[in-house]
Protein backbone atom coordinates (compact mmCIF):
# COMPACT_ATOMS: atom_id res chain seq x y z
CA UNK A 1 19.60 -15.29 -23.48
CA UNK A 2 18.78 -19.20 -23.15
CA UNK A 3 17.16 -19.88 -20.12
CA UNK A 4 18.13 -23.56 -19.34
CA UNK A 5 15.82 -24.71 -16.52
CA UNK A 6 12.74 -23.20 -14.69
CA UNK A 7 12.14 -23.48 -11.13
CA UNK A 8 9.46 -22.15 -9.12
CA UNK A 9 9.38 -21.64 -5.10
CA UNK A 10 6.38 -21.54 -3.69
CA UNK A 11 6.54 -24.21 -0.98
CA UNK A 12 10.11 -24.61 -1.15
CA UNK A 13 10.38 -21.44 0.77
CA UNK A 14 9.00 -22.83 3.44
CA UNK A 15 10.83 -25.29 3.83
CA UNK A 16 14.07 -23.80 3.81
CA UNK A 17 12.61 -21.47 6.48
CA UNK A 18 10.62 -23.30 8.85
CA UNK A 19 11.75 -24.75 12.11
CA UNK A 20 9.62 -27.11 13.55
CA UNK A 21 9.09 -28.01 17.19
CA UNK A 22 8.93 -31.51 18.71
CA UNK A 23 6.82 -31.76 21.45
CA UNK A 24 6.78 -34.60 23.72
CA UNK A 25 8.97 -35.44 26.91
CA UNK A 26 7.82 -38.83 28.15
CA UNK A 27 9.24 -42.09 27.24
CA UNK A 28 7.47 -45.19 26.12
CA UNK A 29 7.76 -48.52 27.85
CA UNK A 30 7.27 -52.02 26.86
CA UNK A 31 4.26 -53.33 24.69
CA UNK A 32 1.03 -53.75 25.93
CA UNK A 33 -1.82 -55.41 23.72
CA UNK A 34 -4.90 -54.00 25.44
CA UNK A 35 -7.21 -51.60 23.77
CA UNK A 36 -8.63 -49.62 26.81
CA UNK A 37 -11.97 -47.69 25.97
CA UNK A 38 -12.83 -45.77 29.12
CA UNK A 39 -16.47 -44.33 28.97
CA UNK A 40 -16.46 -42.30 32.37
CA UNK A 41 -15.01 -38.60 31.92
CA UNK A 42 -14.07 -35.91 34.34
CA UNK A 43 -15.04 -33.56 31.47
CA UNK A 44 -17.96 -31.06 32.63
CA UNK A 45 -20.14 -29.46 30.61
CA UNK A 46 -20.06 -25.65 32.05
CA UNK A 47 -21.24 -22.15 30.46
CA UNK A 48 -17.87 -20.89 29.71
CA UNK A 49 -15.19 -23.10 28.23
CA UNK A 50 -13.01 -22.28 31.05
CA UNK A 51 -13.34 -19.94 34.47
CA UNK A 52 -13.07 -16.56 33.39
CA UNK A 53 -12.87 -13.19 34.77
CA UNK A 54 -13.95 -9.67 33.42
CA UNK A 55 -11.27 -8.52 30.87
CA UNK A 56 -10.76 -5.45 28.40
CA UNK A 57 -12.54 -5.94 25.64
CA UNK A 58 -11.79 -4.25 22.07
CA UNK A 59 -13.73 -2.92 18.93
CA UNK A 60 -13.85 -4.79 15.67
CA UNK A 61 -11.19 -4.37 13.15
CA UNK A 62 -12.38 -4.73 9.42
CA UNK A 63 -10.45 -6.11 7.08
CA UNK A 64 -8.53 -3.46 5.54
CA UNK A 65 -5.49 -3.51 2.80
CA UNK A 66 -5.20 -1.15 -0.21
CA UNK A 67 -7.27 -0.98 -3.25
CA UNK A 68 -5.96 -3.51 -5.53
CA UNK A 69 -5.86 -2.13 -9.56
CA UNK A 70 -5.05 -5.20 -11.75
CA UNK A 71 -2.99 -4.21 -14.51
CA UNK A 72 -0.85 -6.27 -17.02
CA UNK A 73 2.90 -5.14 -16.69
CA UNK A 74 6.47 -6.40 -17.07
CA UNK A 75 9.66 -5.00 -16.29
CA UNK A 76 13.02 -6.11 -16.39
CA UNK A 77 16.11 -5.12 -14.09
CA UNK A 78 19.95 -5.66 -15.12
CA UNK A 79 21.96 -6.63 -11.56
CA UNK A 80 25.25 -5.05 -13.14
CA UNK A 81 22.87 -1.80 -12.97
CA UNK A 82 21.55 -2.04 -9.44
CA UNK A 83 23.19 -1.06 -6.34
CA UNK A 84 26.14 -3.39 -5.63
CA UNK A 85 27.14 -3.95 -2.24
CA UNK A 86 29.75 -5.51 -0.14
CA UNK A 87 32.23 -6.40 -2.72
CA UNK A 88 29.75 -7.51 -5.66
CA UNK A 89 31.02 -6.46 -8.79
CA UNK A 90 30.03 -6.86 -12.66
CA UNK A 91 31.27 -9.98 -14.39
CA UNK A 92 31.05 -10.76 -18.02
CA UNK A 93 33.04 -14.29 -18.40
CA UNK A 94 29.80 -16.68 -18.37
CA UNK A 95 28.15 -17.67 -21.42
CA UNK A 96 24.37 -16.37 -21.93
CA UNK A 97 23.72 -13.29 -19.72
CA UNK A 98 21.21 -10.75 -20.34
CA UNK A 99 22.15 -6.93 -20.93
CA UNK A 100 25.79 -6.16 -20.28
CA UNK A 101 26.99 -8.64 -17.86
CA UNK A 102 25.82 -10.52 -14.55
CA UNK A 103 26.89 -9.77 -11.05
CA UNK A 104 28.96 -11.93 -8.55
CA UNK A 105 31.50 -11.68 -5.35
CA UNK A 106 28.93 -11.88 -2.85
CA UNK A 107 31.53 -13.77 -0.57
CA UNK A 108 30.40 -16.88 1.51
CA UNK A 109 28.77 -15.20 4.88
CA UNK A 110 25.88 -12.59 3.62
CA UNK A 111 28.48 -9.70 3.47
CA UNK A 112 27.51 -8.82 -0.46
CA UNK A 113 23.93 -8.20 -1.41
CA UNK A 114 22.40 -6.27 -4.56
CA UNK A 115 19.69 -3.59 -4.42
CA UNK A 116 17.20 -3.28 -7.14
CA UNK A 117 15.11 0.13 -7.10
CA UNK A 118 11.86 -0.95 -8.75
CA UNK A 119 9.19 1.28 -10.21
CA UNK A 120 5.86 -0.58 -9.26
CA UNK A 121 3.22 0.77 -11.57
CA UNK A 122 -0.18 -0.54 -9.64
CA UNK A 123 -1.17 -2.26 -6.16
CA UNK A 124 -1.24 -5.30 -7.34
CA UNK A 125 0.47 -8.86 -6.95
CA UNK A 126 3.71 -9.87 -8.70
CA UNK A 127 5.97 -12.36 -9.41
CA UNK A 128 9.38 -11.73 -8.60
CA UNK A 129 11.51 -13.61 -10.98
CA UNK A 130 15.72 -13.72 -10.31
CA UNK A 131 17.82 -15.56 -13.08
CA UNK A 132 21.11 -17.19 -11.00
CA UNK A 133 23.26 -19.50 -11.68
CA UNK A 134 25.25 -21.46 -8.48
CA UNK A 135 27.39 -24.15 -8.18
CA UNK A 136 26.33 -25.05 -4.82
CA UNK A 137 22.53 -24.52 -3.21
CA UNK A 138 22.93 -20.83 -1.65
CA UNK A 139 20.16 -19.33 0.87
CA UNK A 140 18.81 -16.12 -0.40
CA UNK A 141 17.31 -13.46 1.66
CA UNK A 142 14.69 -10.94 0.07
CA UNK A 143 13.86 -7.78 1.65
CA UNK A 144 11.68 -5.27 0.59
CA UNK A 145 12.64 -1.78 2.09
CA UNK A 146 13.56 -3.11 5.86
CA UNK A 147 10.79 -6.17 5.50
CA UNK A 148 11.96 -9.63 4.90
CA UNK A 149 10.18 -11.29 2.48
CA UNK A 150 10.97 -14.42 2.10
CA UNK A 151 14.33 -16.76 1.76
CA UNK A 152 14.92 -19.29 -1.05
CA UNK A 153 17.63 -21.80 -2.23
CA UNK A 154 19.20 -21.62 -5.56
CA UNK A 155 19.86 -24.86 -7.85
CA UNK A 156 23.19 -26.31 -7.40
CA UNK A 157 23.64 -26.84 -11.43
CA UNK A 158 25.87 -24.21 -12.47
CA UNK A 159 23.52 -22.92 -15.15
CA UNK A 160 21.25 -19.65 -15.38
CA UNK A 161 18.06 -20.68 -13.81
CA UNK A 162 14.94 -18.69 -12.95
CA UNK A 163 13.60 -18.81 -9.14
CA UNK A 164 10.13 -17.29 -8.98
CA UNK A 165 8.40 -16.26 -5.70
CA UNK A 166 4.86 -16.17 -7.09
CA UNK A 167 2.16 -13.42 -5.75
CA UNK A 168 4.26 -10.67 -3.64
CA UNK A 169 2.09 -8.02 -3.05
CA UNK A 170 3.67 -4.68 -3.91
CA UNK A 171 2.08 -1.01 -3.26
CA UNK A 172 2.41 1.66 -6.20
CA UNK A 173 5.62 3.59 -6.67
CA UNK A 174 9.44 3.33 -5.92
CA UNK A 175 10.69 0.62 -3.86
CA UNK A 176 13.77 -0.95 -2.95
CA UNK A 177 14.02 -5.18 -3.41
CA UNK A 178 17.45 -6.57 -2.20
CA UNK A 179 18.71 -9.86 -2.43
CA UNK A 180 21.31 -11.22 -0.13
CA UNK A 181 23.14 -14.73 -0.50
CA UNK A 182 23.86 -15.74 3.09
CA UNK A 183 26.08 -18.88 2.68
CA UNK A 184 27.89 -18.76 -0.50
CA UNK A 185 28.49 -17.14 -3.85
CA UNK A 186 26.58 -16.89 -7.07
CA UNK A 187 26.16 -15.22 -10.05
CA UNK A 188 22.93 -12.84 -10.32
CA UNK A 189 21.85 -12.03 -13.78
CA UNK A 190 18.47 -10.12 -13.54
CA UNK A 191 15.28 -9.33 -11.82
CA UNK A 192 12.20 -9.50 -13.94
CA UNK A 193 8.79 -8.56 -12.23
CA UNK A 194 5.39 -9.27 -13.70
CA UNK A 195 2.18 -9.04 -12.82
CA UNK A 196 0.88 -12.39 -10.85
CA UNK A 197 -2.27 -14.29 -12.56
CA UNK A 198 -1.98 -17.56 -10.19
CA UNK A 199 -3.64 -16.01 -7.32
CA UNK A 200 -7.03 -15.84 -9.10
CA UNK A 201 -6.91 -19.69 -9.71
CA UNK A 202 -7.30 -20.26 -6.01
CA UNK A 203 -10.75 -21.54 -5.05
CA UNK A 204 -12.62 -22.14 -1.89
CA UNK A 205 -15.88 -24.57 -3.39
CA UNK A 206 -15.23 -27.68 -1.47
CA UNK A 207 -18.15 -29.94 -1.24
CA UNK A 208 -17.81 -30.50 2.36
CA UNK A 209 -18.00 -34.24 1.97
CA UNK A 210 -15.61 -36.43 4.27
CA UNK A 211 -13.67 -39.07 2.78
CA UNK A 212 -14.92 -41.76 5.36
CA UNK A 213 -18.48 -42.25 3.48
CA UNK A 214 -19.71 -44.08 6.91
CA UNK A 215 -18.63 -41.24 9.05
CA UNK A 216 -21.10 -39.89 11.85
CA UNK A 217 -23.36 -37.35 11.78
CA UNK A 218 -21.36 -34.87 14.31
CA UNK A 219 -18.19 -35.40 12.05
CA UNK A 220 -20.45 -34.70 8.76
CA UNK A 221 -22.05 -31.77 10.11
CA UNK A 222 -18.33 -30.04 11.65
CA UNK A 223 -17.02 -30.75 8.35
CA UNK A 224 -20.20 -28.97 6.66
CA UNK A 225 -19.67 -25.74 8.96
CA UNK A 226 -15.92 -25.86 7.60
CA UNK A 227 -16.72 -26.20 3.95
CA UNK A 228 -19.35 -23.20 4.02
CA UNK A 229 -17.42 -20.93 6.01
CA UNK A 230 -13.96 -21.24 3.83
CA UNK A 231 -12.89 -18.65 2.66
CA UNK A 232 -15.23 -16.14 4.95
CA UNK A 233 -13.24 -16.22 7.80
CA UNK A 234 -10.14 -17.71 9.30
CA UNK A 235 -10.62 -19.82 12.43
CA UNK A 236 -8.78 -18.81 15.21
CA UNK A 237 -6.48 -22.09 17.61
CA UNK A 238 -4.10 -22.47 19.92
CA UNK A 239 -2.39 -25.47 21.39
CA UNK A 240 -2.73 -26.70 25.25
CA UNK A 241 -0.32 -29.17 26.58
CA UNK A 242 -1.32 -31.85 29.30
CA UNK A 243 -5.25 -30.82 29.71
CA UNK A 244 -4.73 -27.75 30.64
CA UNK A 245 -6.23 -24.52 29.17
CA UNK A 246 -3.38 -22.02 30.43
CA UNK A 247 -2.75 -20.79 27.13
CA UNK A 248 -6.25 -20.39 26.26
CA UNK A 249 -7.21 -18.20 29.06
CA UNK A 250 -4.10 -16.27 28.48
CA UNK A 251 -5.38 -15.23 25.06
CA UNK A 252 -8.89 -14.62 26.42
CA UNK A 253 -7.06 -12.25 29.08
CA UNK A 254 -5.29 -10.43 26.22
CA UNK A 255 -7.48 -10.17 23.76
CA UNK A 256 -10.86 -10.46 25.07
CA UNK A 257 -11.48 -13.41 22.82
CA UNK A 258 -11.05 -16.95 23.32
CA UNK A 259 -9.99 -19.47 20.11
CA UNK A 260 -12.70 -21.69 18.52
CA UNK A 261 -10.25 -24.44 18.37
CA UNK A 262 -8.37 -26.24 20.97
CA UNK A 263 -5.51 -28.02 19.63
CA UNK A 264 -3.75 -30.91 21.77
CA UNK A 265 -1.26 -33.93 21.38
CA UNK A 266 -2.83 -37.65 22.27
CA UNK A 267 0.02 -40.01 23.68
CA UNK A 268 0.41 -44.08 24.20
CA UNK A 269 0.93 -43.56 27.83
CA UNK A 270 4.04 -45.40 29.69
CA UNK A 271 1.96 -47.42 32.05
CA UNK A 272 -1.31 -45.51 33.35
CA UNK A 273 -3.71 -44.00 31.09
CA UNK A 274 -4.72 -41.81 33.70
CA UNK A 275 -2.41 -38.91 32.33
CA UNK A 276 -3.74 -39.58 28.65
CA UNK A 277 -7.11 -39.59 29.32
CA UNK A 278 -6.60 -35.96 30.85
CA UNK A 279 -6.14 -34.75 27.49
CA UNK A 280 -9.07 -36.91 25.72
CA UNK A 281 -11.08 -35.28 28.71
CA UNK A 282 -10.22 -31.93 27.97
CA UNK A 283 -10.81 -32.55 24.19
CA UNK A 284 -14.44 -33.67 25.20
CA UNK A 285 -14.61 -30.71 27.28
CA UNK A 286 -13.78 -28.54 24.61
CA UNK A 287 -16.19 -29.65 22.45
CA UNK A 288 -19.04 -29.96 24.96
CA UNK A 289 -18.76 -26.27 25.90
CA UNK A 290 -19.18 -24.97 22.09
CA UNK A 291 -15.60 -25.35 20.65
CA UNK A 292 -13.95 -27.57 18.29
CA UNK A 293 -10.94 -30.00 19.19
CA UNK A 294 -8.07 -31.28 16.95
CA UNK A 295 -5.75 -33.44 18.18
CA UNK A 296 -2.17 -34.77 17.12
CA UNK A 297 -0.30 -38.26 17.39
CA UNK A 298 3.38 -37.10 17.85
CA UNK A 299 4.16 -40.82 18.14
CA UNK A 300 7.29 -41.95 20.63
CA UNK A 301 8.38 -45.17 18.37
CA UNK A 302 7.57 -48.53 19.40
CA UNK A 303 11.02 -49.65 20.62
CA UNK A 304 11.81 -51.40 23.41
CA UNK A 305 15.31 -50.23 23.68
CA UNK A 306 15.22 -46.34 22.35
CA UNK A 307 12.11 -44.64 22.03
CA UNK A 308 11.48 -41.31 20.82
CA UNK A 309 9.61 -39.06 18.70
CA UNK A 310 12.74 -37.43 16.59
CA UNK A 311 14.79 -39.57 14.70
CA UNK A 312 17.88 -39.19 16.48
CA UNK A 313 16.08 -40.29 19.99
CA UNK A 314 15.04 -43.83 18.57
CA UNK A 315 16.40 -46.78 17.20
CA UNK A 316 13.19 -47.53 15.46
CA UNK A 317 13.17 -48.33 11.67
CA UNK A 318 9.97 -47.76 9.97
CA UNK A 319 11.37 -49.79 6.78
CA UNK A 320 11.45 -52.90 8.74
CA UNK A 321 7.82 -53.00 9.65
CA UNK A 322 6.03 -52.47 6.15
CA UNK A 323 4.66 -55.63 4.64
CA UNK A 324 2.83 -56.78 1.96
CA UNK A 325 0.41 -58.85 4.81
CA UNK A 326 -3.07 -57.12 4.59
CA UNK A 327 -3.46 -56.63 8.32
CA UNK A 328 -5.45 -53.42 8.53
CA UNK A 329 -8.53 -55.35 9.01
CA UNK A 330 -7.14 -58.15 10.87
CA UNK A 331 -7.89 -58.97 14.80
CA UNK A 332 -5.37 -58.51 17.26
CA UNK A 333 -5.07 -62.26 17.75
CA UNK A 334 -4.72 -63.00 14.21
CA UNK A 335 -2.13 -60.19 13.86
CA UNK A 336 -0.31 -61.73 16.70
CA UNK A 337 -0.29 -65.08 15.32
CA UNK A 338 1.29 -63.83 12.16
CA UNK A 339 4.03 -61.95 14.12
CA UNK A 340 4.59 -65.50 16.09
CA UNK A 341 5.02 -67.41 12.64
CA UNK A 342 7.35 -64.87 11.45
CA UNK A 343 5.11 -63.68 8.40
CA UNK A 344 5.44 -60.18 10.22
CA UNK A 345 8.51 -58.18 11.76
CA UNK A 346 8.27 -57.20 15.45
CA UNK A 347 8.48 -53.40 14.40
CA UNK A 348 5.29 -54.13 12.48
CA UNK A 349 3.35 -55.78 15.50
CA UNK A 350 4.60 -53.02 17.71
CA UNK A 351 2.89 -50.13 15.44
CA UNK A 352 -0.10 -52.27 15.54
CA UNK A 353 -0.36 -52.52 19.26
CA UNK A 354 0.03 -48.46 19.25
CA UNK A 355 -2.13 -47.98 16.29
CA UNK A 356 -5.07 -49.94 18.72
CA UNK A 357 -4.03 -48.20 21.88
CA UNK A 358 -4.45 -44.74 20.20
CA UNK A 359 -7.97 -46.51 18.72
CA UNK A 360 -9.02 -46.95 21.96
CA UNK A 361 -8.68 -43.14 22.95
CA UNK A 362 -10.36 -42.03 19.96
CA UNK A 363 -13.14 -44.30 20.43
CA UNK A 364 -13.72 -42.94 23.79
CA UNK A 365 -14.35 -39.59 22.11
CA UNK A 366 -16.79 -41.23 19.52
CA UNK A 367 -18.68 -42.85 22.15
CA UNK A 368 -19.22 -39.72 24.10
CA UNK A 369 -20.11 -37.91 20.55
CA UNK A 370 -17.04 -35.86 19.81
CA UNK A 371 -15.98 -35.54 16.69
CA UNK A 372 -12.39 -34.01 16.16
CA UNK A 373 -9.75 -32.95 13.91
CA UNK A 374 -7.25 -35.86 13.75
CA UNK A 375 -3.60 -34.90 12.39
CA UNK A 376 -1.32 -38.39 12.57
CA UNK A 377 2.15 -38.37 11.63
CA UNK A 378 3.06 -34.63 11.51
CA UNK A 379 5.27 -32.89 9.02
CA UNK A 380 5.92 -36.30 6.92
CA UNK A 381 7.61 -34.53 4.44
CA UNK A 382 11.07 -34.50 6.27
CA UNK A 383 13.53 -36.82 8.07
CA UNK A 384 13.33 -35.22 11.35
CA UNK A 385 10.53 -37.66 12.74
CA UNK A 386 11.07 -41.26 12.27
CA UNK A 387 7.84 -41.70 10.18
CA UNK A 388 9.30 -39.69 7.64
CA UNK A 389 13.17 -41.01 7.96
CA UNK A 390 13.10 -43.61 5.64
CA UNK A 391 11.20 -42.02 2.65
CA UNK A 392 8.12 -41.31 1.44
CA UNK A 393 6.64 -44.77 0.20
CA UNK A 394 7.17 -46.09 3.67
CA UNK A 395 5.35 -43.18 5.41
CA UNK A 396 2.27 -43.31 2.69
CA UNK A 397 2.10 -47.20 3.88
CA UNK A 398 2.13 -46.20 7.53
CA UNK A 399 -0.53 -43.43 6.82
CA UNK A 400 -2.77 -45.98 4.79
CA UNK A 401 -2.40 -48.69 7.34
CA UNK A 402 -4.01 -46.15 10.12
CA UNK A 403 -6.72 -44.94 8.12
CA UNK A 404 -7.77 -48.23 6.98
CA UNK A 405 -7.46 -49.94 10.36
CA UNK A 406 -9.47 -46.64 12.12
CA UNK A 407 -12.38 -46.59 9.38
CA UNK A 408 -12.46 -50.26 8.58
CA UNK A 409 -11.50 -52.13 11.66
CA UNK A 410 -12.21 -50.07 14.50
CA UNK A 411 -15.33 -48.12 12.54
CA UNK A 412 -14.21 -44.58 14.11
CA UNK A 413 -16.84 -42.25 12.65
CA UNK A 414 -15.90 -39.25 14.39
CA UNK A 415 -12.55 -38.44 12.70
CA UNK A 416 -11.91 -35.39 9.94
CA UNK A 417 -8.59 -36.38 8.72
CA UNK A 418 -6.02 -34.01 8.68
CA UNK A 419 -3.07 -34.46 6.36
CA UNK A 420 0.11 -32.58 7.36
CA UNK A 421 2.82 -34.04 4.65
CA UNK A 422 3.58 -30.75 3.62
CA UNK A 423 5.17 -31.70 0.47
CA UNK A 424 3.91 -33.42 -3.10
CA UNK A 425 6.25 -36.04 -2.97
CA UNK A 426 4.71 -36.94 0.21
CA UNK A 427 1.53 -36.62 -1.00
CA UNK A 428 -0.94 -39.57 0.46
CA UNK A 429 -3.81 -41.34 -1.22
CA UNK A 430 -6.29 -38.15 -1.45
CA UNK A 431 -9.59 -40.43 -0.88
CA UNK A 432 -8.03 -40.74 3.03
CA UNK A 433 -7.86 -37.16 4.10
CA UNK A 434 -10.11 -34.26 4.23
CA UNK A 435 -7.92 -31.24 5.07
CA UNK A 436 -4.45 -30.40 4.15
CA UNK A 437 -2.47 -28.75 6.33
CA UNK A 438 1.33 -26.87 7.13
CA UNK A 439 3.30 -25.88 9.63
CA UNK A 440 4.89 -22.67 9.29
CA UNK A 441 7.72 -21.33 11.65
CA UNK A 442 9.99 -18.70 10.93
CA UNK A 443 12.92 -18.51 13.31
CA UNK A 444 14.08 -15.71 15.07
CA UNK A 445 11.21 -13.18 14.15
CA UNK A 446 8.17 -11.52 15.09
CA UNK A 447 4.74 -10.89 13.53
CA UNK A 448 5.46 -12.60 10.16
CA UNK A 449 2.11 -13.82 9.59
CA UNK A 450 1.83 -11.75 6.49
CA UNK A 451 4.14 -13.96 4.68
CA UNK A 452 1.93 -16.89 4.65
CA UNK A 453 0.53 -16.75 1.06
CA UNK A 454 2.97 -19.00 -0.96
CA UNK A 455 2.32 -22.11 0.91
CA UNK A 456 -1.16 -21.59 0.57
CA UNK A 457 -1.17 -21.51 -2.87
CA UNK A 458 1.38 -24.20 -3.21
CA UNK A 459 -0.36 -26.60 -1.38
CA UNK A 460 -3.80 -26.11 -3.12
CA UNK A 461 -1.93 -26.68 -6.25
CA UNK A 462 -1.01 -30.20 -4.93
CA UNK A 463 -3.99 -31.27 -3.22
CA UNK A 464 -6.38 -29.83 -5.40
CA UNK A 465 -9.20 -26.97 -4.75
CA UNK A 466 -11.66 -29.67 -3.14
CA UNK A 467 -9.20 -29.83 -0.02
CA UNK A 468 -9.68 -27.50 2.88
CA UNK A 469 -6.20 -25.39 3.60
CA UNK A 470 -5.29 -25.00 6.99
CA UNK A 471 -1.94 -24.31 9.51
CA UNK A 472 -2.06 -26.91 11.74
CA UNK A 473 1.09 -25.44 13.51
CA UNK A 474 2.66 -21.67 13.92
CA UNK A 475 4.84 -19.43 15.94
CA UNK A 476 3.06 -16.49 14.90
CA UNK A 477 -0.95 -15.69 14.08
CA UNK A 478 -1.76 -14.91 10.85
CA UNK A 479 -2.39 -11.38 9.61
CA UNK A 480 -6.12 -11.16 8.75
CA UNK A 481 -5.84 -7.86 6.61
CA UNK A 482 -2.74 -9.70 4.37
CA UNK A 483 -4.72 -13.27 3.84
CA UNK A 484 -7.64 -11.93 2.50
CA UNK A 485 -5.59 -9.11 0.56
CA UNK A 486 -3.27 -12.03 -0.78
CA UNK A 487 -6.46 -14.84 -1.22
CA UNK A 488 -4.97 -17.04 1.38
CA UNK A 489 -7.86 -17.44 3.76
CA UNK A 490 -6.93 -20.42 5.65
CA UNK A 491 -9.58 -22.74 7.15
CA UNK A 492 -8.02 -22.37 10.74
CA UNK A 493 -4.43 -22.00 12.35
CA UNK A 494 -3.18 -22.88 15.47
CA UNK A 495 -0.35 -21.21 17.32
CA UNK A 496 2.09 -23.63 19.46
CA UNK A 497 2.15 -23.50 23.28
CA UNK A 498 4.78 -22.49 25.80
CA UNK A 499 7.12 -20.07 24.94
CA UNK A 500 5.31 -19.05 21.31
CA UNK A 501 2.49 -17.34 23.79
CA UNK A 502 3.81 -17.22 27.25
CA UNK A 503 6.69 -16.28 29.43
CA UNK A 504 8.05 -18.46 32.51
CA UNK A 505 5.98 -16.41 34.90
CA UNK A 506 2.66 -17.03 32.75
CA UNK A 507 2.30 -13.49 31.25
CA UNK A 508 1.98 -12.85 27.25
CA UNK A 509 5.13 -13.66 25.54
CA UNK A 510 5.38 -10.93 22.42
CA UNK A 511 8.84 -12.38 21.36
CA UNK A 512 7.04 -13.95 18.27
CA UNK A 513 3.52 -11.74 18.10
CA UNK A 514 3.32 -8.19 19.46
CA UNK A 515 0.23 -7.86 21.92
CA UNK A 516 -1.57 -5.23 19.12
CA UNK A 517 -0.82 -8.08 16.77
CA UNK A 518 -2.62 -10.45 18.78
CA UNK A 519 -5.65 -8.21 19.89
CA UNK A 520 -6.16 -7.28 15.94
CA UNK A 521 -6.06 -10.86 14.73
CA UNK A 522 -8.51 -12.04 17.56
CA UNK A 523 -10.51 -9.37 16.81
CA UNK A 524 -10.81 -8.68 13.16
CA UNK A 525 -13.72 -9.38 11.35
CA UNK A 526 -11.91 -11.63 9.09
CA UNK A 527 -11.16 -14.06 12.37
CA UNK A 528 -13.83 -16.46 13.93
CA UNK A 529 -13.63 -16.71 17.77
CA UNK A 530 -15.52 -19.12 20.15
CA UNK A 531 -18.18 -16.79 20.88
CA UNK A 532 -19.17 -16.19 17.58
CA UNK A 533 -18.60 -19.49 16.28
CA UNK A 534 -21.00 -20.72 19.44
CA UNK A 535 -23.40 -18.22 18.20
CA UNK A 536 -23.55 -19.37 14.90
CA UNK A 537 -23.83 -22.82 15.70
CA UNK A 538 -26.75 -22.58 17.87
CA UNK A 539 -24.83 -23.54 20.85
CA UNK A 540 -27.32 -23.08 24.23
CA UNK A 541 -25.86 -22.46 27.48
CA UNK A 542 -26.02 -25.34 29.96
CA UNK A 543 -27.70 -24.90 32.83
CA UNK A 544 -25.81 -24.43 35.87
CA UNK A 545 -25.63 -26.24 38.76
CA UNK A 546 -26.85 -24.28 41.73
CA UNK A 547 -26.70 -26.74 44.57
């Protein structure tokens, strides 16, 4: 048989599965040209990051997984000889098939499936390749026994095409592997299983240098720590909202451990800067108490008519803002003059005003000596946010503008740049980011943190081994055992706030991560928690004010 085309699905599987969270509720008002830099802070340095009460403690869990025996192997399983369910039947009408035929008749609503009984020779990672032809892109669910592995999308060229899942860990013995098309019919020729070799290509040897050569010492030291421990531990993290640490406190009460990283979102305020600087203060406080702060920017579009984050919630058109004028290092007065002369658009001027306002908040952190992981323009690969809706070229232009204005004009030297574009097509200049991150959500599922390995390998392949790879958002904590087993040791993770961690009554919510899985993750030898991080960094307890 001749295979017309070869397609690899490492990152594409995540795109088909992911359900991305929106995050902001407020609407932005009119433009303001001021750049507030507020030095006064309500942040306090306390012995603990938050008020804590005695909680249950748990033993440390060593990282464990079955012993891996690497062995060259390769087996081909013909679909027509597998177990056919839901009306699936063998056929021979198409040319260029393998064996005695192929199978079709899956239906349009996921009623048909094919179950392969496979004989796994050793405990190791395998590449699973399906030879499929389809007239339209079909979502295919793959399950091993009763556990879903992933969902991938077929091609739509009506030609038999290899679709490969790389690095799937299988245990020795007989297993049942099932493929179920969820939204259309297709033609399945065979399944081929071979030992994986790509996971051994993953590297954790980064040089620890920041892309901003003028970075401050605190940012350099933090980046050095992240790099030195990359591949050794997964740093724990949790999102907070509105300057509040309720979700982080809940993790402590549940696991006996605090996360190292506090994730939050900075915003351009409507009118008063008080609410916005509550989050700035909270980020500073977390750092002063021995943790790491990561701040994102879910940007409400600078439109005076319809402002929003999601594309459907705003009338802002990024393509109208793009200009060839070199504005990144100009003063606000010079940019205003360009706008008044019609050399740049209203959209472009609005972007600059927002960028300068955000620079004011980050400058406040800089002046307090607070380094932060900085994640602007999240999930730039998609069209659900306005900054990605007009294509990758405009998104890349905006990223470069933010980077140049922050580093060259405002001299912000306290930022570790986190690029969250998530695809090779949206990859920005590698000289403008330090960490590459992905957001991982699987809708309506629980404890799926053992299925993140594909994305790790895919991202490192297109950003290079000199960049740290991290999970900037997820709905369920990574499984530490499988992360180390699969050689997918993320630099850090951040679980989204709200329903992903607590119920409306403020109790722990097991809908996305079971309590047992959370406890095991936070007490794993493979995870780094706040108490351990503070000890490694030589954090000294501040003196308590007894007055």
